[in-house]
């Protein structure tokens, strides 16, 4: 009996937004929500949270860092979110980048 495949693929990866130290303050400035005050504080918070998040992923799904360029984030926010930038928009940006990357794999 053949295996029935769902009409959609199973995620290979989950993306999370990551910032370069030199871009961090600019991303804070263009964001509408409260972010960690420094890149170092952001990095420390992520070091605590990412292992917990990764442990919850299904087998075979990897966690991928998506480097966020401030100009690309602004363009994405203007196009899809009315210019608003917050944690949900940064997450959507990372998810869109991962979907684009992995759809190119096929």
Protein backbone atom coordinates (compact mmCIF):
# COMPACT_ATOMS: atom_id res chain seq x y z
CA UNK A 1 0.00 0.00 0.00
CA UNK A 2 1.51 3.39 -0.97
CA UNK A 3 2.25 5.99 1.65
CA UNK A 4 -0.07 8.98 1.47
CA UNK A 5 1.88 12.22 1.48
CA UNK A 6 0.28 15.37 2.88
CA UNK A 7 -0.17 18.21 0.38
CA UNK A 8 2.42 20.23 2.27
CA UNK A 9 5.96 19.46 3.29
CA UNK A 10 7.18 18.82 6.79
CA UNK A 11 9.42 21.60 8.02
CA UNK A 12 13.11 20.83 7.79
CA UNK A 13 14.12 23.86 9.76
CA UNK A 14 12.82 26.59 12.02
CA UNK A 15 14.44 29.98 11.67
CA UNK A 16 15.15 32.48 14.36
CA UNK A 17 16.17 36.09 13.92
CA UNK A 18 19.78 36.88 14.72
CA UNK A 19 21.51 40.22 14.57
CA UNK A 20 25.09 41.19 13.89
CA UNK A 21 26.63 43.22 16.71
CA UNK A 22 27.17 46.18 14.38
CA UNK A 23 23.47 46.17 13.32
CA UNK A 24 21.90 45.61 16.71
CA UNK A 25 21.38 49.22 17.79
CA UNK A 26 19.91 50.18 14.42
CA UNK A 27 17.46 47.28 14.59
CA UNK A 28 16.47 48.41 18.09
CA UNK A 29 15.91 51.94 16.73
CA UNK A 30 13.64 50.81 13.89
CA UNK A 31 11.68 48.38 16.06
CA UNK A 32 8.44 49.34 17.75
CA UNK A 33 8.87 47.02 20.72
CA UNK A 34 11.31 46.73 23.60
CA UNK A 35 14.44 44.74 22.81
CA UNK A 36 17.39 43.88 25.00
CA UNK A 37 19.47 47.05 25.60
CA UNK A 38 22.71 45.65 24.14
CA UNK A 39 23.78 42.96 21.71
CA UNK A 40 25.55 41.23 24.60
CA UNK A 41 22.31 41.08 26.60
CA UNK A 42 20.46 39.75 23.53
CA UNK A 43 23.15 37.11 22.99
CA UNK A 44 23.02 36.01 26.64
CA UNK A 45 19.22 35.73 26.54
CA UNK A 46 19.34 33.67 23.36
CA UNK A 47 22.02 31.40 24.84
CA UNK A 48 19.49 30.55 27.58
CA UNK A 49 16.40 30.24 25.37
CA UNK A 50 17.61 28.49 22.23
CA UNK A 51 18.54 25.15 23.83
CA UNK A 52 15.06 24.99 25.41
CA UNK A 53 13.39 25.78 22.10
CA UNK A 54 15.57 23.33 20.18
CA UNK A 55 14.69 20.54 22.63
CA UNK A 56 10.99 20.99 21.71
CA UNK A 57 11.51 20.57 17.96
CA UNK A 58 10.41 17.35 16.29
CA UNK A 59 13.10 14.87 15.32
CA UNK A 60 14.85 15.88 12.11
CA UNK A 61 13.94 19.56 12.35
CA UNK A 62 16.84 21.91 12.89
CA UNK A 63 17.05 25.39 14.32
CA UNK A 64 18.67 27.84 11.91
CA UNK A 65 20.03 31.30 12.59
CA UNK A 66 18.80 33.95 10.14
CA UNK A 67 21.01 37.04 10.05
CA UNK A 68 18.68 40.04 9.86
CA UNK A 69 19.79 42.94 7.70
CA UNK A 70 18.14 46.15 8.93
CA UNK A 71 17.31 47.41 5.42
CA UNK A 72 15.80 44.07 4.38
CA UNK A 73 13.78 43.97 7.59
CA UNK A 74 12.45 47.48 6.94
CA UNK A 75 11.44 46.56 3.38
CA UNK A 76 9.77 43.34 4.60
CA UNK A 77 7.89 45.22 7.32
CA UNK A 78 6.70 47.90 4.90
CA UNK A 79 5.58 45.33 2.36
CA UNK A 80 3.81 42.87 4.65
CA UNK A 81 3.20 44.54 8.02
CA UNK A 82 2.43 48.20 7.39
CA UNK A 83 5.96 49.19 8.43
CA UNK A 84 5.56 47.93 11.99
CA UNK A 85 8.51 45.99 13.39
CA UNK A 86 8.22 43.90 16.54
CA UNK A 87 9.21 40.41 17.67
CA UNK A 88 6.44 38.83 15.59
CA UNK A 89 7.59 40.63 12.44
CA UNK A 90 11.23 39.76 13.08
CA UNK A 91 10.12 36.14 13.53
CA UNK A 92 8.07 36.25 10.33
CA UNK A 93 11.10 37.65 8.51
CA UNK A 94 13.21 34.72 9.75
CA UNK A 95 10.48 32.20 8.84
CA UNK A 96 10.16 33.65 5.33
CA UNK A 97 13.93 33.44 4.85
CA UNK A 98 13.98 29.79 5.93
CA UNK A 99 11.02 28.90 3.71
CA UNK A 100 12.73 30.56 0.74
CA UNK A 101 16.03 28.81 1.47
CA UNK A 102 14.50 25.35 1.83
CA UNK A 103 12.07 25.68 -1.07
CA UNK A 104 15.13 26.35 -3.22
CA UNK A 105 16.50 22.98 -2.06
CA UNK A 106 13.78 21.19 -4.04
